Amino acid sequence: MNFAQKTTELLHNLPQAQAVSLMGFDGLPLATAAHGPLPWDMATLLTEYAQTLVSLRRAAQEVPEAGAPVDVVVHTTEATVLMRLVHREYYLAVVQQADAPMGRARFFMDLLARALVQEL
C-alpha cells in the first residue's frame, strides 16, 4: 500500500482538513499530506499529543473491562486534531480547522484505519 497516496486521498476527502499524517509512536511520520505549510511543527505537536494515547492504552490495561481506546480528539483555539489508533505502533492524525465538524473526518479515518491495519 502506498501510504503517501492514502494520506493524500484522505486529505482530499476532508475539505476542512489542513493536514493528515500516519505517525509512529516513535515520532516519525510514515506519510504526511498537507494543504500547505502549517504555522507549527506538526510532527512535534502530534508526538506530544500521542502521549495521551499512550496513557490511555496504559489505563486500559489497568481496567480492561472498559475496552481499549480507539481515538482521541484535541480541540484547541486554532485547530481540532483527531487521532485514531491503527496499530500498536502507529496512529492516523487529521488536523482540521477548529470549527470543522468531526463526523466526516472520523468516518474517513475509520475506513483508512481498517485498510491500514492489514498492511502494518
PDB file of N, CA and C in Angstrom:
ATOM      1  N   MET A   1       0.849  -1.176   0.000  1.00  0.00           N
ATOM      2  CA  MET A   1       0.000   0.000   0.000  1.00  0.00           C
ATOM      3  C   MET A   1       0.895   1.240   0.000  1.00  0.00           C
ATOM      4  N   ASN A   2       0.534   2.203  -0.769  1.00  0.00           N
ATOM      5  CA  ASN A   2       1.266   3.459  -0.826  1.00  0.00           C
ATOM      6  C   ASN A   2       0.698   4.401   0.243  1.00  0.00           C
ATOM      7  N   PHE A   3       1.410   4.530   1.361  1.00  0.00           N
ATOM      8  CA  PHE A   3       0.919   5.332   2.476  1.00  0.00           C
ATOM      9  C   PHE A   3       0.779   6.808   2.104  1.00  0.00           C
ATOM     10  N   ALA A   4       1.702   7.335   1.325  1.00  0.00           N
ATOM     11  CA  ALA A   4       1.626   8.744   0.918  1.00  0.00           C
ATOM     12  C   ALA A   4       0.377   8.996   0.087  1.00  0.00           C
ATOM     13  N   GLN A   5       0.076   8.078  -0.804  1.00  0.00           N
ATOM     14  CA  GLN A   5      -1.118   8.222  -1.635  1.00  0.00           C
ATOM     15  C   GLN A   5      -2.382   8.167  -0.776  1.00  0.00           C
ATOM     16  N   LYS A   6      -2.414   7.269   0.177  1.00  0.00           N
ATOM     17  CA  LYS A   6      -3.601   7.124   1.037  1.00  0.00           C
ATOM     18  C   LYS A   6      -3.813   8.353   1.919  1.00  0.00           C
ATOM     19  N   THR A   7      -2.738   8.923   2.465  1.00  0.00           N
ATOM     20  CA  THR A   7      -2.920  10.128   3.283  1.00  0.00           C
ATOM     21  C   THR A   7      -3.362  11.298   2.414  1.00  0.00           C
ATOM     22  N   THR A   8      -2.860  11.376   1.190  1.00  0.00           N
ATOM     23  CA  THR A   8      -3.285  12.443   0.268  1.00  0.00           C
ATOM     24  C   THR A   8      -4.759  12.281  -0.100  1.00  0.00           C
ATOM     25  N   GLU A   9      -5.191  11.057  -0.343  1.00  0.00           N
ATOM     26  CA  GLU A   9      -6.607  10.803  -0.648  1.00  0.00           C
ATOM     27  C   GLU A   9      -7.494  11.210   0.526  1.00  0.00           C
ATOM     28  N   LEU A  10      -7.063  10.871   1.729  1.00  0.00           N
ATOM     29  CA  LEU A  10      -7.843  11.249   2.912  1.00  0.00           C
ATOM     30  C   LEU A  10      -7.932  12.765   3.021  1.00  0.00           C
ATOM     31  N   LEU A  11      -6.835  13.451   2.805  1.00  0.00           N
ATOM     32  CA  LEU A  11      -6.827  14.911   2.857  1.00  0.00           C
ATOM     33  C   LEU A  11      -7.817  15.497   1.861  1.00  0.00           C
ATOM     34  N   HIS A  12      -7.860  14.950   0.656  1.00  0.00           N
ATOM     35  CA  HIS A  12      -8.776  15.466  -0.369  1.00  0.00           C
ATOM     36  C   HIS A  12     -10.243  15.154  -0.065  1.00  0.00           C
ATOM     37  N   ASN A  13     -10.494  14.114   0.740  1.00  0.00           N
ATOM     38  CA  ASN A  13     -11.867  13.788   1.142  1.00  0.00           C
ATOM     39  C   ASN A  13     -12.372  14.667   2.275  1.00  0.00           C
ATOM     40  N   LEU A  14     -11.465  15.428   2.881  1.00  0.00           N
ATOM     41  CA  LEU A  14     -11.828  16.266   4.027  1.00  0.00           C
ATOM     42  C   LEU A  14     -11.519  17.724   3.701  1.00  0.00           C
ATOM     43  N   PRO A  15     -12.481  18.448   3.132  1.00  0.00           N
ATOM     44  CA  PRO A  15     -12.226  19.813   2.667  1.00  0.00           C
ATOM     45  C   PRO A  15     -11.736  20.777   3.752  1.00  0.00           C
ATOM     46  N   GLN A  16     -12.082  20.544   5.004  1.00  0.00           N
ATOM     47  CA  GLN A  16     -11.667  21.460   6.060  1.00  0.00           C
ATOM     48  C   GLN A  16     -10.407  20.995   6.785  1.00  0.00           C
ATOM     49  N   ALA A  17      -9.826  19.901   6.306  1.00  0.00           N
ATOM     50  CA  ALA A  17      -8.586  19.417   6.911  1.00  0.00           C
ATOM     51  C   ALA A  17      -7.408  20.242   6.410  1.00  0.00           C
ATOM     52  N   GLN A  18      -6.476  20.458   7.295  1.00  0.00           N
ATOM     53  CA  GLN A  18      -5.246  21.158   6.948  1.00  0.00           C
ATOM     54  C   GLN A  18      -4.122  20.171   6.656  1.00  0.00           C
ATOM     55  N   ALA A  19      -4.144  19.032   7.351  1.00  0.00           N
ATOM     56  CA  ALA A  19      -3.090  18.038   7.166  1.00  0.00           C
ATOM     57  C   ALA A  19      -3.554  16.678   7.676  1.00  0.00           C
ATOM     58  N   VAL A  20      -2.910  15.640   7.132  1.00  0.00           N
ATOM     59  CA  VAL A  20      -3.153  14.251   7.532  1.00  0.00           C
ATOM     60  C   VAL A  20      -1.789  13.595   7.679  1.00  0.00           C
ATOM     61  N   SER A  21      -1.648  12.776   8.708  1.00  0.00           N
ATOM     62  CA  SER A  21      -0.372  12.095   8.894  1.00  0.00           C
ATOM     63  C   SER A  21      -0.588  10.703   9.458  1.00  0.00           C
ATOM     64  N   LEU A  22       0.187   9.755   8.947  1.00  0.00           N
ATOM     65  CA  LEU A  22       0.280   8.430   9.537  1.00  0.00           C
ATOM     66  C   LEU A  22       1.585   8.445  10.313  1.00  0.00           C
ATOM     67  N   MET A  23       1.473   8.368  11.631  1.00  0.00           N
ATOM     68  CA  MET A  23       2.626   8.557  12.520  1.00  0.00           C
ATOM     69  C   MET A  23       2.929   7.293  13.309  1.00  0.00           C
ATOM     70  N   GLY A  24       4.210   7.138  13.611  1.00  0.00           N
ATOM     71  CA  GLY A  24       4.630   6.106  14.537  1.00  0.00           C
ATOM     72  C   GLY A  24       4.712   6.706  15.931  1.00  0.00           C
ATOM     73  N   PHE A  25       4.532   5.883  16.947  1.00  0.00           N
ATOM     74  CA  PHE A  25       4.650   6.392  18.314  1.00  0.00           C
ATOM     75  C   PHE A  25       6.084   6.786  18.646  1.00  0.00           C
ATOM     76  N   ASP A  26       7.013   6.439  17.757  1.00  0.00           N
ATOM     77  CA  ASP A  26       8.404   6.878  17.925  1.00  0.00           C
ATOM     78  C   ASP A  26       8.608   8.318  17.458  1.00  0.00           C
ATOM     79  N   GLY A  27       7.536   8.947  16.937  1.00  0.00           N
ATOM     80  CA  GLY A  27       7.614  10.335  16.497  1.00  0.00           C
ATOM     81  C   GLY A  27       7.943  10.515  15.030  1.00  0.00           C
ATOM     82  N   LEU A  28       8.142   9.424  14.325  1.00  0.00           N
ATOM     83  CA  LEU A  28       8.470   9.516  12.906  1.00  0.00           C
ATOM     84  C   LEU A  28       7.229   9.312  12.043  1.00  0.00           C
ATOM     85  N   PRO A  29       6.976  10.230  11.119  1.00  0.00           N
ATOM     86  CA  PRO A  29       5.825  10.062  10.226  1.00  0.00           C
ATOM     87  C   PRO A  29       6.134   9.052   9.124  1.00  0.00           C
ATOM     88  N   LEU A  30       5.175   8.171   8.840  1.00  0.00           N
ATOM     89  CA  LEU A  30       5.301   7.270   7.698  1.00  0.00           C
ATOM     90  C   LEU A  30       4.890   7.995   6.425  1.00  0.00           C
ATOM     91  N   ALA A  31       3.873   8.857   6.551  1.00  0.00           N
ATOM     92  CA  ALA A  31       3.393   9.636   5.408  1.00  0.00           C
ATOM     93  C   ALA A  31       2.622  10.831   5.931  1.00  0.00           C
ATOM     94  N   THR A  32       2.773  11.956   5.259  1.00  0.00           N
ATOM     95  CA  THR A  32       2.069  13.182   5.632  1.00  0.00           C
ATOM     96  C   THR A  32       1.635  13.904   4.368  1.00  0.00           C
ATOM     97  N   ALA A  33       0.431  14.447   4.412  1.00  0.00           N
ATOM     98  CA  ALA A  33      -0.075  15.276   3.317  1.00  0.00           C
ATOM     99  C   ALA A  33      -0.652  16.544   3.940  1.00  0.00           C
ATOM    100  N   ALA A  34      -0.424  17.689   3.308  1.00  0.00           N
ATOM    101  CA  ALA A  34      -0.919  18.959   3.849  1.00  0.00           C
ATOM    102  C   ALA A  34      -1.306  19.886   2.706  1.00  0.00           C
ATOM    103  N   HIS A  35      -2.210  20.807   3.018  1.00  0.00           N
ATOM    104  CA  HIS A  35      -2.646  21.809   2.046  1.00  0.00           C
ATOM    105  C   HIS A  35      -1.708  23.003   2.005  1.00  0.00           C
ATOM    106  N   GLY A  36      -0.574  22.886   2.563  1.00  0.00           N
ATOM    107  CA  GLY A  36       0.376  23.990   2.613  1.00  0.00           C
ATOM    108  C   GLY A  36       1.068  23.960   3.952  1.00  0.00           C
ATOM    109  N   PRO A  37       1.959  24.899   4.177  1.00  0.00           N
ATOM    110  CA  PRO A  37       2.674  24.903   5.455  1.00  0.00           C
ATOM    111  C   PRO A  37       1.748  25.227   6.621  1.00  0.00           C
ATOM    112  N   LEU A  38       1.962  24.533   7.710  1.00  0.00           N
ATOM    113  CA  LEU A  38       1.211  24.807   8.928  1.00  0.00           C
ATOM    114  C   LEU A  38       1.997  25.799   9.775  1.00  0.00           C
ATOM    115  N   PRO A  39       1.313  26.546  10.627  1.00  0.00           N
ATOM    116  CA  PRO A  39       2.013  27.535  11.451  1.00  0.00           C
ATOM    117  C   PRO A  39       2.779  26.919  12.620  1.00  0.00           C
ATOM    118  N   TRP A  40       2.851  25.593  12.691  1.00  0.00           N
ATOM    119  CA  TRP A  40       3.590  24.913  13.746  1.00  0.00           C
ATOM    120  C   TRP A  40       4.196  23.638  13.172  1.00  0.00           C
ATOM    121  N   ASP A  41       5.086  23.021  13.926  1.00  0.00           N
ATOM    122  CA  ASP A  41       5.716  21.766  13.527  1.00  0.00           C
ATOM    123  C   ASP A  41       4.754  20.626  13.853  1.00  0.00           C
ATOM    124  N   MET A  42       4.109  20.103  12.827  1.00  0.00           N
ATOM    125  CA  MET A  42       3.077  19.096  13.031  1.00  0.00           C
ATOM    126  C   MET A  42       3.630  17.825  13.665  1.00  0.00           C
ATOM    127  N   ALA A  43       4.796  17.364  13.251  1.00  0.00           N
ATOM    128  CA  ALA A  43       5.361  16.128  13.810  1.00  0.00           C
ATOM    129  C   ALA A  43       5.594  16.265  15.313  1.00  0.00           C
ATOM    130  N   THR A  44       6.099  17.412  15.733  1.00  0.00           N
ATOM    131  CA  THR A  44       6.334  17.637  17.166  1.00  0.00           C
ATOM    132  C   THR A  44       5.009  17.677  17.923  1.00  0.00           C
ATOM    133  N   LEU A  45       4.048  18.412  17.384  1.00  0.00           N
ATOM    134  CA  LEU A  45       2.739  18.506  18.027  1.00  0.00           C
ATOM    135  C   LEU A  45       2.096  17.127  18.165  1.00  0.00           C
ATOM    136  N   LEU A  46       2.093  16.350  17.083  1.00  0.00           N
ATOM    137  CA  LEU A  46       1.461  15.033  17.124  1.00  0.00           C
ATOM    138  C   LEU A  46       2.202  14.076  18.045  1.00  0.00           C
ATOM    139  N   THR A  47       3.510  14.176  18.099  1.00  0.00           N
ATOM    140  CA  THR A  47       4.279  13.327  19.006  1.00  0.00           C
ATOM    141  C   THR A  47       3.903  13.621  20.454  1.00  0.00           C
ATOM    142  N   GLU A  48       3.760  14.894  20.780  1.00  0.00           N
ATOM    143  CA  GLU A  48       3.358  15.265  22.146  1.00  0.00           C
ATOM    144  C   GLU A  48       1.930  14.815  22.441  1.00  0.00           C
ATOM    145  N   TYR A  49       1.019  15.052  21.509  1.00  0.00           N
ATOM    146  CA  TYR A  49      -0.369  14.632  21.707  1.00  0.00           C
ATOM    147  C   TYR A  49      -0.490  13.112  21.797  1.00  0.00           C
ATOM    148  N   ALA A  50       0.372  12.391  21.097  1.00  0.00           N
ATOM    149  CA  ALA A  50       0.313  10.934  21.103  1.00  0.00           C
ATOM    150  C   ALA A  50       0.559  10.362  22.490  1.00  0.00           C
ATOM    151  N   GLN A  51       1.218  11.135  23.337  1.00  0.00           N
ATOM    152  CA  GLN A  51       1.439  10.665  24.704  1.00  0.00           C
ATOM    153  C   GLN A  51       0.115  10.448  25.425  1.00  0.00           C
ATOM    154  N   THR A  52      -0.917  11.174  25.020  1.00  0.00           N
ATOM    155  CA  THR A  52      -2.257  10.952  25.564  1.00  0.00           C
ATOM    156  C   THR A  52      -2.739   9.556  25.192  1.00  0.00           C
ATOM    157  N   LEU A  53      -2.504   9.170  23.940  1.00  0.00           N
ATOM    158  CA  LEU A  53      -2.894   7.823  23.512  1.00  0.00           C
ATOM    159  C   LEU A  53      -2.131   6.754  24.293  1.00  0.00           C
ATOM    160  N   VAL A  54      -0.859   6.996  24.515  1.00  0.00           N
ATOM    161  CA  VAL A  54      -0.041   6.051  25.279  1.00  0.00           C
ATOM    162  C   VAL A  54      -0.601   5.910  26.696  1.00  0.00           C
ATOM    163  N   SER A  55      -0.931   7.030  27.317  1.00  0.00           N
ATOM    164  CA  SER A  55      -1.501   7.000  28.674  1.00  0.00           C
ATOM    165  C   SER A  55      -2.838   6.268  28.698  1.00  0.00           C
ATOM    166  N   LEU A  56      -3.657   6.500  27.696  1.00  0.00           N
ATOM    167  CA  LEU A  56      -4.954   5.823  27.635  1.00  0.00           C
ATOM    168  C   LEU A  56      -4.798   4.317  27.440  1.00  0.00           C
ATOM    169  N   ARG A  57      -3.825   3.919  26.658  1.00  0.00           N
ATOM    170  CA  ARG A  57      -3.583   2.483  26.472  1.00  0.00           C
ATOM    171  C   ARG A  57      -3.146   1.837  27.790  1.00  0.00           C
ATOM    172  N   ARG A  58      -2.292   2.541  28.545  1.00  0.00           N
ATOM    173  CA  ARG A  58      -1.864   2.026  29.856  1.00  0.00           C
ATOM    174  C   ARG A  58      -3.061   1.911  30.796  1.00  0.00           C
ATOM    175  N   ALA A  59      -3.920   2.923  30.795  1.00  0.00           N
ATOM    176  CA  ALA A  59      -5.104   2.891  31.661  1.00  0.00           C
ATOM    177  C   ALA A  59      -6.021   1.732  31.285  1.00  0.00           C
ATOM    178  N   ALA A  60      -6.133   1.466  29.988  1.00  0.00           N
ATOM    179  CA  ALA A  60      -6.980   0.363  29.525  1.00  0.00           C
ATOM    180  C   ALA A  60      -6.435  -0.985  29.982  1.00  0.00           C
ATOM    181  N   GLN A  61      -5.133  -1.093  30.141  1.00  0.00           N
ATOM    182  CA  GLN A  61      -4.553  -2.328  30.652  1.00  0.00           C
ATOM    183  C   GLN A  61      -4.901  -2.530  32.121  1.00  0.00           C
ATOM    184  N   GLU A  62      -5.055  -1.416  32.840  1.00  0.00           N
ATOM    185  CA  GLU A  62      -5.412  -1.492  34.263  1.00  0.00           C
ATOM    186  C   GLU A  62      -6.880  -1.852  34.459  1.00  0.00           C
ATOM    187  N   VAL A  63      -7.724  -1.413  33.510  1.00  0.00           N
ATOM    188  CA  VAL A  63      -9.163  -1.682  33.591  1.00  0.00           C
ATOM    189  C   VAL A  63      -9.616  -2.220  32.231  1.00  0.00           C
ATOM    190  N   PRO A  64      -9.263  -3.455  31.920  1.00  0.00           N
ATOM    191  CA  PRO A  64      -9.558  -3.988  30.586  1.00  0.00           C
ATOM    192  C   PRO A  64     -11.048  -4.099  30.273  1.00  0.00           C
ATOM    193  N   GLU A  65     -11.879  -4.160  31.300  1.00  0.00           N
ATOM    194  CA  GLU A  65     -13.323  -4.260  31.076  1.00  0.00           C
ATOM    195  C   GLU A  65     -13.875  -3.023  30.357  1.00  0.00           C
ATOM    196  N   ALA A  66     -13.180  -1.906  30.493  1.00  0.00           N
ATOM    197  CA  ALA A  66     -13.644  -0.665  29.858  1.00  0.00           C
ATOM    198  C   ALA A  66     -13.325  -0.634  28.369  1.00  0.00           C
ATOM    199  N   GLY A  67     -12.476  -1.520  27.910  1.00  0.00           N
ATOM    200  CA  GLY A  67     -12.117  -1.575  26.499  1.00  0.00           C
ATOM    201  C   GLY A  67     -10.898  -0.736  26.188  1.00  0.00           C
ATOM    202  N   ALA A  68     -10.345  -0.980  25.021  1.00  0.00           N
ATOM    203  CA  ALA A  68      -9.146  -0.271  24.567  1.00  0.00           C
ATOM    204  C   ALA A  68      -9.538   1.035  23.884  1.00  0.00           C
ATOM    205  N   PRO A  69      -8.713   2.067  23.998  1.00  0.00           N
ATOM    206  CA  PRO A  69      -9.016   3.328  23.317  1.00  0.00           C
ATOM    207  C   PRO A  69      -8.909   3.160  21.806  1.00  0.00           C
ATOM    208  N   VAL A  70      -9.719   3.912  21.093  1.00  0.00           N
ATOM    209  CA  VAL A  70      -9.727   3.861  19.636  1.00  0.00           C
ATOM    210  C   VAL A  70      -9.287   5.196  19.057  1.00  0.00           C
ATOM    211  N   ASP A  71      -9.838   6.276  19.599  1.00  0.00           N
ATOM    212  CA  ASP A  71      -9.443   7.586  19.080  1.00  0.00           C
ATOM    213  C   ASP A  71      -9.463   8.645  20.170  1.00  0.00           C
ATOM    214  N   VAL A  72      -8.795   9.753  19.863  1.00  0.00           N
ATOM    215  CA  VAL A  72      -8.711  10.893  20.774  1.00  0.00           C
ATOM    216  C   VAL A  72      -8.872  12.150  19.937  1.00  0.00           C
ATOM    217  N   VAL A  73      -9.587  13.118  20.491  1.00  0.00           N
ATOM    218  CA  VAL A  73      -9.765  14.408  19.821  1.00  0.00           C
ATOM    219  C   VAL A  73      -9.246  15.498  20.748  1.00  0.00           C
ATOM    220  N   VAL A  74      -8.422  16.384  20.185  1.00  0.00           N
ATOM    221  CA  VAL A  74      -7.905  17.519  20.936  1.00  0.00           C
ATOM    222  C   VAL A  74      -8.391  18.783  20.231  1.00  0.00           C
ATOM    223  N   HIS A  75      -9.183  19.577  20.949  1.00  0.00           N
ATOM    224  CA  HIS A  75      -9.644  20.862  20.427  1.00  0.00           C
ATOM    225  C   HIS A  75      -8.765  21.955  21.001  1.00  0.00           C
ATOM    226  N   THR A  76      -8.255  22.804  20.128  1.00  0.00           N
ATOM    227  CA  THR A  76      -7.535  23.985  20.586  1.00  0.00           C
ATOM    228  C   THR A  76      -8.231  25.201  19.996  1.00  0.00           C
ATOM    229  N   THR A  77      -7.752  26.361  20.324  1.00  0.00           N
ATOM    230  CA  THR A  77      -8.351  27.573  19.759  1.00  0.00           C
ATOM    231  C   THR A  77      -8.062  27.701  18.266  1.00  0.00           C
ATOM    232  N   GLU A  78      -7.048  27.000  17.785  1.00  0.00           N
ATOM    233  CA  GLU A  78      -6.626  27.126  16.386  1.00  0.00           C
ATOM    234  C   GLU A  78      -6.967  25.930  15.508  1.00  0.00           C
ATOM    235  N   ALA A  79      -7.179  24.757  16.101  1.00  0.00           N
ATOM    236  CA  ALA A  79      -7.384  23.556  15.293  1.00  0.00           C
ATOM    237  C   ALA A  79      -8.056  22.459  16.110  1.00  0.00           C
ATOM    238  N   THR A  80      -8.544  21.465  15.394  1.00  0.00           N
ATOM    239  CA  THR A  80      -9.019  20.235  16.002  1.00  0.00           C
ATOM    240  C   THR A  80      -8.127  19.131  15.468  1.00  0.00           C
ATOM    241  N   VAL A  81      -7.574  18.335  16.373  1.00  0.00           N
ATOM    242  CA  VAL A  81      -6.701  17.245  15.984  1.00  0.00           C
ATOM    243  C   VAL A  81      -7.392  15.940  16.370  1.00  0.00           C
ATOM    244  N   LEU A  82      -7.649  15.112  15.370  1.00  0.00           N
ATOM    245  CA  LEU A  82      -8.249  13.808  15.594  1.00  0.00           C
ATOM    246  C   LEU A  82      -7.160  12.762  15.417  1.00  0.00           C
ATOM    247  N   MET A  83      -7.037  11.866  16.379  1.00  0.00           N
ATOM    248  CA  MET A  83      -6.042  10.805  16.308  1.00  0.00           C
ATOM    249  C   MET A  83      -6.742   9.467  16.448  1.00  0.00           C
ATOM    250  N   ARG A  84      -6.440   8.558  15.537  1.00  0.00           N
ATOM    251  CA  ARG A  84      -7.089   7.243  15.501  1.00  0.00           C
ATOM    252  C   ARG A  84      -6.008   6.167  15.543  1.00  0.00           C
ATOM    253  N   LEU A  85      -6.065   5.303  16.541  1.00  0.00           N
ATOM    254  CA  LEU A  85      -5.111   4.189  16.609  1.00  0.00           C
ATOM    255  C   LEU A  85      -5.321   3.276  15.409  1.00  0.00           C
ATOM    256  N   VAL A  86      -4.219   2.892  14.799  1.00  0.00           N
ATOM    257  CA  VAL A  86      -4.275   1.999  13.645  1.00  0.00           C
ATOM    258  C   VAL A  86      -3.649   0.651  14.006  1.00  0.00           C
ATOM    259  N   HIS A  87      -2.602   0.702  14.785  1.00  0.00           N
ATOM    260  CA  HIS A  87      -1.776  -0.463  15.100  1.00  0.00           C
ATOM    261  C   HIS A  87      -1.078  -0.134  16.417  1.00  0.00           C
ATOM    262  N   ARG A  88      -0.539  -1.097  17.094  1.00  0.00           N
ATOM    263  CA  ARG A  88       0.113  -0.808  18.368  1.00  0.00           C
ATOM    264  C   ARG A  88       1.264   0.178  18.233  1.00  0.00           C
ATOM    265  N   GLU A  89       1.805   0.336  17.025  1.00  0.00           N
ATOM    266  CA  GLU A  89       2.931   1.239  16.819  1.00  0.00           C
ATOM    267  C   GLU A  89       2.594   2.486  16.002  1.00  0.00           C
ATOM    268  N   TYR A  90       1.370   2.570  15.449  1.00  0.00           N
ATOM    269  CA  TYR A  90       1.032   3.661  14.534  1.00  0.00           C
ATOM    270  C   TYR A  90      -0.353   4.240  14.809  1.00  0.00           C
ATOM    271  N   TYR A  91      -0.490   5.503  14.470  1.00  0.00           N
ATOM    272  CA  TYR A  91      -1.791   6.156  14.552  1.00  0.00           C
ATOM    273  C   TYR A  91      -1.945   7.101  13.372  1.00  0.00           C
ATOM    274  N   LEU A  92      -3.183   7.399  13.057  1.00  0.00           N
ATOM    275  CA  LEU A  92      -3.542   8.301  11.975  1.00  0.00           C
ATOM    276  C   LEU A  92      -4.017   9.596  12.612  1.00  0.00           C
ATOM    277  N   ALA A  93      -3.567  10.722  12.081  1.00  0.00           N
ATOM    278  CA  ALA A  93      -3.968  12.018  12.640  1.00  0.00           C
ATOM    279  C   ALA A  93      -4.476  12.928  11.537  1.00  0.00           C
ATOM    280  N   VAL A  94      -5.520  13.667  11.855  1.00  0.00           N
ATOM    281  CA  VAL A  94      -6.059  14.693  10.966  1.00  0.00           C
ATOM    282  C   VAL A  94      -6.081  15.996  11.748  1.00  0.00           C
ATOM    283  N   VAL A  95      -5.503  17.028  11.157  1.00  0.00           N
ATOM    284  CA  VAL A  95      -5.549  18.374  11.729  1.00  0.00           C
ATOM    285  C   VAL A  95      -6.507  19.163  10.862  1.00  0.00           C
ATOM    286  N   GLN A  96      -7.549  19.704  11.488  1.00  0.00           N
ATOM    287  CA  GLN A  96      -8.514  20.480  10.720  1.00  0.00           C
ATOM    288  C   GLN A  96      -8.859  21.774  11.443  1.00  0.00           C
ATOM    289  N   GLN A  97      -9.592  22.609  10.746  1.00  0.00           N
ATOM    290  CA  GLN A  97      -9.989  23.893  11.313  1.00  0.00           C
ATOM    291  C   GLN A  97     -10.726  23.652  12.630  1.00  0.00           C
ATOM    292  N   ALA A  98     -10.557  24.567  13.562  1.00  0.00           N
ATOM    293  CA  ALA A  98     -11.131  24.396  14.899  1.00  0.00           C
ATOM    294  C   ALA A  98     -12.645  24.230  14.879  1.00  0.00           C
ATOM    295  N   ASP A  99     -13.313  24.882  13.948  1.00  0.00           N
ATOM    296  CA  ASP A  99     -14.771  24.826  13.907  1.00  0.00           C
ATOM    297  C   ASP A  99     -15.311  23.784  12.929  1.00  0.00           C
ATOM    298  N   ALA A 100     -14.453  22.975  12.348  1.00  0.00           N
ATOM    299  CA  ALA A 100     -14.885  21.968  11.370  1.00  0.00           C
ATOM    300  C   ALA A 100     -15.608  20.817  12.069  1.00  0.00           C
ATOM    301  N   PRO A 101     -16.681  20.312  11.467  1.00  0.00           N
ATOM    302  CA  PRO A 101     -17.355  19.153  12.048  1.00  0.00           C
ATOM    303  C   PRO A 101     -16.460  17.919  11.972  1.00  0.00           C
ATOM    304  N   MET A 102     -16.612  17.042  12.950  1.00  0.00           N
ATOM    305  CA  MET A 102     -15.720  15.891  13.043  1.00  0.00           C
ATOM    306  C   MET A 102     -16.268  14.620  12.411  1.00  0.00           C
ATOM    307  N   GLY A 103     -17.555  14.549  12.163  1.00  0.00           N
ATOM    308  CA  GLY A 103     -18.167  13.308  11.684  1.00  0.00           C
ATOM    309  C   GLY A 103     -17.549  12.771  10.401  1.00  0.00           C
ATOM    310  N   ARG A 104     -17.392  13.631   9.414  1.00  0.00           N
ATOM    311  CA  ARG A 104     -16.826  13.208   8.137  1.00  0.00           C
ATOM    312  C   ARG A 104     -15.385  12.719   8.325  1.00  0.00           C
ATOM    313  N   ALA A 105     -14.607  13.455   9.111  1.00  0.00           N
ATOM    314  CA  ALA A 105     -13.218  13.064   9.350  1.00  0.00           C
ATOM    315  C   ALA A 105     -13.161  11.711  10.045  1.00  0.00           C
ATOM    316  N   ARG A 106     -13.984  11.513  11.044  1.00  0.00           N
ATOM    317  CA  ARG A 106     -13.983  10.232  11.760  1.00  0.00           C
ATOM    318  C   ARG A 106     -14.356   9.077  10.833  1.00  0.00           C
ATOM    319  N   PHE A 107     -15.348   9.308   9.980  1.00  0.00           N
ATOM    320  CA  PHE A 107     -15.797   8.268   9.055  1.00  0.00           C
ATOM    321  C   PHE A 107     -14.659   7.852   8.122  1.00  0.00           C
ATOM    322  N   PHE A 108     -14.030   8.828   7.460  1.00  0.00           N
ATOM    323  CA  PHE A 108     -12.974   8.510   6.507  1.00  0.00           C
ATOM    324  C   PHE A 108     -11.713   7.991   7.201  1.00  0.00           C
ATOM    325  N   MET A 109     -11.441   8.468   8.411  1.00  0.00           N
ATOM    326  CA  MET A 109     -10.305   7.937   9.168  1.00  0.00           C
ATOM    327  C   MET A 109     -10.533   6.468   9.514  1.00  0.00           C
ATOM    328  N   ASP A 110     -11.753   6.128   9.883  1.00  0.00           N
ATOM    329  CA  ASP A 110     -12.065   4.750  10.225  1.00  0.00           C
ATOM    330  C   ASP A 110     -11.886   3.842   9.010  1.00  0.00           C
ATOM    331  N   LEU A 111     -12.359   4.281   7.845  1.00  0.00           N
ATOM    332  CA  LEU A 111     -12.187   3.480   6.633  1.00  0.00           C
ATOM    333  C   LEU A 111     -10.705   3.243   6.336  1.00  0.00           C
ATOM    334  N   LEU A 112      -9.918   4.298   6.408  1.00  0.00           N
ATOM    335  CA  LEU A 112      -8.494   4.164   6.118  1.00  0.00           C
ATOM    336  C   LEU A 112      -7.799   3.315   7.180  1.00  0.00           C
ATOM    337  N   ALA A 113      -8.145   3.502   8.437  1.00  0.00           N
ATOM    338  CA  ALA A 113      -7.520   2.720   9.512  1.00  0.00           C
ATOM    339  C   ALA A 113      -7.764   1.229   9.320  1.00  0.00           C
ATOM    340  N   ARG A 114      -8.962   0.873   8.910  1.00  0.00           N
ATOM    341  CA  ARG A 114      -9.265  -0.534   8.680  1.00  0.00           C
ATOM    342  C   ARG A 114      -8.419  -1.109   7.550  1.00  0.00           C
ATOM    343  N   ALA A 115      -8.189  -0.317   6.522  1.00  0.00           N
ATOM    344  CA  ALA A 115      -7.337  -0.768   5.407  1.00  0.00           C
ATOM    345  C   ALA A 115      -5.872  -0.844   5.835  1.00  0.00           C
ATOM    346  N   LEU A 116      -5.426   0.152   6.606  1.00  0.00           N
ATOM    347  CA  LEU A 116      -4.035   0.189   7.030  1.00  0.00           C
ATOM    348  C   LEU A 116      -3.661  -0.957   7.949  1.00  0.00           C
ATOM    349  N   VAL A 117      -4.586  -1.348   8.796  1.00  0.00           N
ATOM    350  CA  VAL A 117      -4.282  -2.408   9.763  1.00  0.00           C
ATOM    351  C   VAL A 117      -3.872  -3.696   9.053  1.00  0.00           C
ATOM    352  N   GLN A 118      -4.358  -3.902   7.849  1.00  0.00           N
ATOM    353  CA  GLN A 118      -3.983  -5.076   7.077  1.00  0.00           C
ATOM    354  C   GLN A 118      -2.549  -4.991   6.557  1.00  0.00           C
ATOM    355  N   GLU A 119      -2.027  -3.755   6.430  1.00  0.00           N
ATOM    356  CA  GLU A 119      -0.709  -3.534   5.848  1.00  0.00           C
ATOM    357  C   GLU A 119       0.401  -3.374   6.879  1.00  0.00           C
ATOM    358  N   LEU A 120       0.049  -3.028   8.099  1.00  0.00           N
ATOM    359  CA  LEU A 120       1.083  -2.735   9.110  1.00  0.00           C
ATOM    360  C   LEU A 120       1.354  -3.931  10.013  1.00  0.00           C
TER     361      LEU A 120
END
